[in-house]
Every structure is written in structure tokens, then in C-alpha cells.
Amino acid sequence: MSQEPSQRETWQDSFRSVAGALGEVARAEVAVLREDVAQWGKRFGIAIALFGVAFMSLFWLVALLMYATVRAAESIFDLGPAQAALAVAGVVFLTIAILALIGVLLLRKVAGPAAAAKARFEDHRRWWRVQILGESELGAADMGQANAAEE
């Protein structure tokens, strides 16, 4: 006679299987979080470096303005002292503005790793509700949006 596993053994096996799967999900999430942190750090560093260049350029703008006002009388473009200083300041200001704009755009694209981890957690929770608990996808999606609205 073959012995069928008891209901208790079946539940124990199921519990072990779920615990193992949760461990794998946790390890995968930690690996993805590490990668997200590394990418976020790189992008954040680039944006901060561009801001640094923009602020250093601001120093040079002041230096160029002083030089331009002193040397404007000798301008080869037949500009008066004020026009030469304004022309140089305009070009330098445009350069600084472009660098600062690029830095701001890069900072807006940088999403923190916490937000990415939270979004993945919500996806896992939604999957759990639909696949394991048998809720409808619409109900699980509505619950995720309600939880996000509470925060």
C-alpha cells in the first residue's frame, strides 16, 4: 500500500515552498535595489557636477564683466564700453543658463531608489492579491491606488 501524504505534511510543504519563494523575491529585490542606488548615485553626481560647473562659471562671469568693462574702450567692434561689457556678459550668461538648465533636467529625471522599490512592492502586492487571494485585477489595482492616496 502506498501511503498518501497527510494534510499536515501537505501544508508544511506548501509553507516551505512559499517561504522559499519569498526568500528568493527578497534577494531579487535587494539586488535590484542595489543596482537602483548605484544608478541613482551616478545620475545625481553628474547633476551636482553640472551645478558646480555652472556656479564656477558664475565666478568667471564676474571676472569677465570686470575685464570687459576695463577693456571695452579698445574694442575692435567699435562698441562703447557699456555695449562691449553687455555683449560679453550676455554670451557668458547664456552658457551658464544652458548648463544650469541641463542640471535641472537631469535632477528631475533622477528618481530615488526608494520610489522604485515602493513601486515594485506595490506590483508584488497586487500580484499576490490577484494570483493567490483571487481578487480581480481591477480591485487589486484600486486598492493599490487607494493606499498610494493615503500616503
Protein backbone atom coordinates (compact mmCIF):
# COMPACT_ATOMS: atom_id res chain seq x y z
CA MET A 1 0.00 0.00 0.00
CA SER A 2 1.28 3.42 -0.89
CA GLN A 3 0.99 5.99 1.77
CA GLU A 4 -0.50 9.31 0.77
CA PRO A 5 0.92 12.39 2.49
CA SER A 6 -1.21 13.66 5.32
CA GLN A 7 -2.87 17.03 5.12
CA ARG A 8 -0.41 18.35 7.69
CA GLU A 9 2.60 17.34 5.54
CA THR A 10 0.99 18.97 2.52
CA TRP A 11 0.55 22.23 4.42
CA GLN A 12 4.12 22.07 5.70
CA ASP A 13 5.42 21.53 2.17
CA SER A 14 3.29 24.41 0.90
CA PHE A 15 4.51 26.67 3.68
CA ARG A 16 8.15 25.77 2.95
CA SER A 17 7.59 26.45 -0.73
CA VAL A 18 6.04 29.87 -0.04
CA ALA A 19 8.80 30.74 2.44
CA GLY A 20 11.45 29.77 -0.12
CA ALA A 21 9.74 31.82 -2.82
CA LEU A 22 9.53 34.84 -0.52
CA GLY A 23 13.24 34.48 0.24
CA GLU A 24 14.02 34.47 -3.48
CA VAL A 25 11.84 37.54 -4.03
CA ALA A 26 13.59 39.34 -1.15
CA ARG A 27 17.05 38.51 -2.55
CA ALA A 28 16.00 39.68 -6.01
CA GLU A 29 14.60 42.92 -4.58
CA VAL A 30 17.82 43.60 -2.68
CA ALA A 31 19.84 43.06 -5.87
CA VAL A 32 17.60 45.40 -7.86
CA LEU A 33 17.68 47.99 -5.07
CA ARG A 34 21.49 47.92 -5.07
CA GLU A 35 21.51 48.50 -8.83
CA ASP A 36 18.98 51.34 -8.49
CA VAL A 37 21.06 53.01 -5.79
CA ALA A 38 24.18 52.79 -7.96
CA GLN A 39 22.41 54.31 -10.99
CA TRP A 40 20.76 56.99 -8.88
CA GLY A 41 24.11 57.92 -7.34
CA LYS A 42 25.75 58.22 -10.74
CA ARG A 43 23.00 60.46 -12.16
CA PHE A 44 22.87 62.56 -9.02
CA GLY A 45 26.66 63.01 -9.15
CA ILE A 46 26.53 64.17 -12.77
CA ALA A 47 23.76 66.67 -11.99
CA ILE A 48 25.68 68.05 -9.00
CA ALA A 49 28.85 68.30 -11.11
CA LEU A 50 26.96 70.34 -13.73
CA PHE A 51 25.67 72.64 -11.00
CA GLY A 52 29.27 73.01 -9.79
CA VAL A 53 30.41 73.96 -13.28
CA ALA A 54 27.54 76.46 -13.54
CA PHE A 55 28.50 78.12 -10.23
CA MET A 56 32.18 78.21 -11.16
CA SER A 57 31.14 79.82 -14.42
CA LEU A 58 29.31 82.44 -12.41
CA PHE A 59 32.63 83.43 -10.86
CA TRP A 60 34.17 83.73 -14.31
CA LEU A 61 31.20 85.79 -15.44
CA VAL A 62 32.04 88.38 -12.81
CA ALA A 63 35.71 88.30 -13.82
CA LEU A 64 34.84 88.69 -17.50
CA LEU A 65 32.49 91.55 -16.75
CA MET A 66 35.25 93.40 -14.93
CA TYR A 67 37.72 92.75 -17.71
CA ALA A 68 35.21 93.68 -20.38
CA THR A 69 34.40 96.98 -18.73
CA VAL A 70 38.10 97.86 -18.44
CA ARG A 71 38.97 96.85 -22.00
CA ALA A 72 35.72 97.86 -23.72
CA ALA A 73 37.18 101.14 -24.90
CA GLU A 74 39.69 99.25 -27.02
CA SER A 75 37.06 97.06 -28.60
CA ILE A 76 37.66 96.19 -32.22
CA PHE A 77 33.94 96.19 -32.91
CA ASP A 78 33.53 99.87 -32.40
CA LEU A 79 31.34 99.34 -29.38
CA GLY A 80 31.27 101.65 -26.46
CA PRO A 81 32.33 100.40 -23.03
CA ALA A 82 28.78 99.53 -21.96
CA GLN A 83 27.88 97.65 -25.15
CA ALA A 84 31.06 95.53 -25.08
CA ALA A 85 30.52 94.60 -21.44
CA LEU A 86 26.89 93.67 -22.09
CA ALA A 87 27.80 91.56 -25.14
CA VAL A 88 30.39 89.53 -23.20
CA ALA A 89 28.08 89.20 -20.21
CA GLY A 90 25.23 88.01 -22.47
CA VAL A 91 27.30 85.21 -24.01
CA VAL A 92 28.60 84.03 -20.64
CA PHE A 93 25.13 84.25 -19.10
CA LEU A 94 23.68 82.10 -21.91
CA THR A 95 26.36 79.47 -21.27
CA ILE A 96 25.63 79.44 -17.54
CA ALA A 97 21.88 79.25 -18.15
CA ILE A 98 22.27 76.28 -20.51
CA LEU A 99 24.47 74.39 -18.02
CA ALA A 100 22.04 75.07 -15.16
CA LEU A 101 19.07 74.00 -17.30
CA ILE A 102 20.76 70.71 -18.18
CA GLY A 103 21.48 70.14 -14.48
CA VAL A 104 17.85 70.80 -13.52
CA LEU A 105 16.57 68.47 -16.25
CA LEU A 106 18.91 65.72 -15.07
CA LEU A 107 17.78 66.16 -11.46
CA ARG A 108 14.14 65.85 -12.50
CA LYS A 109 14.88 62.55 -14.22
CA VAL A 110 16.63 61.16 -11.17
CA ALA A 111 14.11 59.04 -9.30
CA GLY A 112 15.17 57.90 -5.90
CA PRO A 113 15.64 54.19 -5.25
CA ALA A 114 13.00 54.31 -2.51
CA ALA A 115 10.32 55.27 -5.05
CA ALA A 116 11.35 52.44 -7.38
CA ALA A 117 11.35 49.93 -4.51
CA LYS A 118 7.92 51.14 -3.40
CA ALA A 119 6.53 50.73 -6.92
CA ARG A 120 7.92 47.19 -7.16
CA PHE A 121 6.47 46.35 -3.73
CA GLU A 122 3.06 47.55 -4.90
CA ASP A 123 3.38 45.35 -8.00
CA HIS A 124 4.24 42.35 -5.84
CA ARG A 125 1.32 43.08 -3.53
CA ARG A 126 -1.06 43.41 -6.47
CA TRP A 127 0.22 40.13 -7.93
CA TRP A 128 -0.26 38.41 -4.55
CA ARG A 129 -3.82 39.65 -4.30
CA VAL A 130 -4.74 38.61 -7.85
CA GLN A 131 -2.85 35.32 -8.11
CA ILE A 132 -3.00 33.99 -4.54
CA LEU A 133 -6.05 35.59 -2.97
CA GLY A 134 -8.09 35.52 -6.18
CA GLU A 135 -9.16 39.14 -6.20
CA SER A 136 -9.99 40.79 -9.51
CA GLU A 137 -7.21 42.80 -11.14
CA LEU A 138 -9.39 45.89 -11.07
CA GLY A 139 -10.00 45.52 -7.32
CA ALA A 140 -6.29 44.97 -6.63
CA ALA A 141 -5.35 47.99 -8.76
CA ASP A 142 -7.94 50.14 -6.99
CA MET A 143 -6.57 49.02 -3.60
CA GLY A 144 -3.02 49.99 -4.67
CA GLN A 145 -4.21 53.42 -5.77
CA ALA A 146 -6.16 53.88 -2.53
CA ASN A 147 -3.05 53.03 -0.50
CA ALA A 148 -0.97 55.48 -2.53
CA ALA A 149 -3.58 58.20 -1.99
CA GLU A 150 -3.48 57.66 1.79
CA GLU A 151 0.22 58.41 1.88
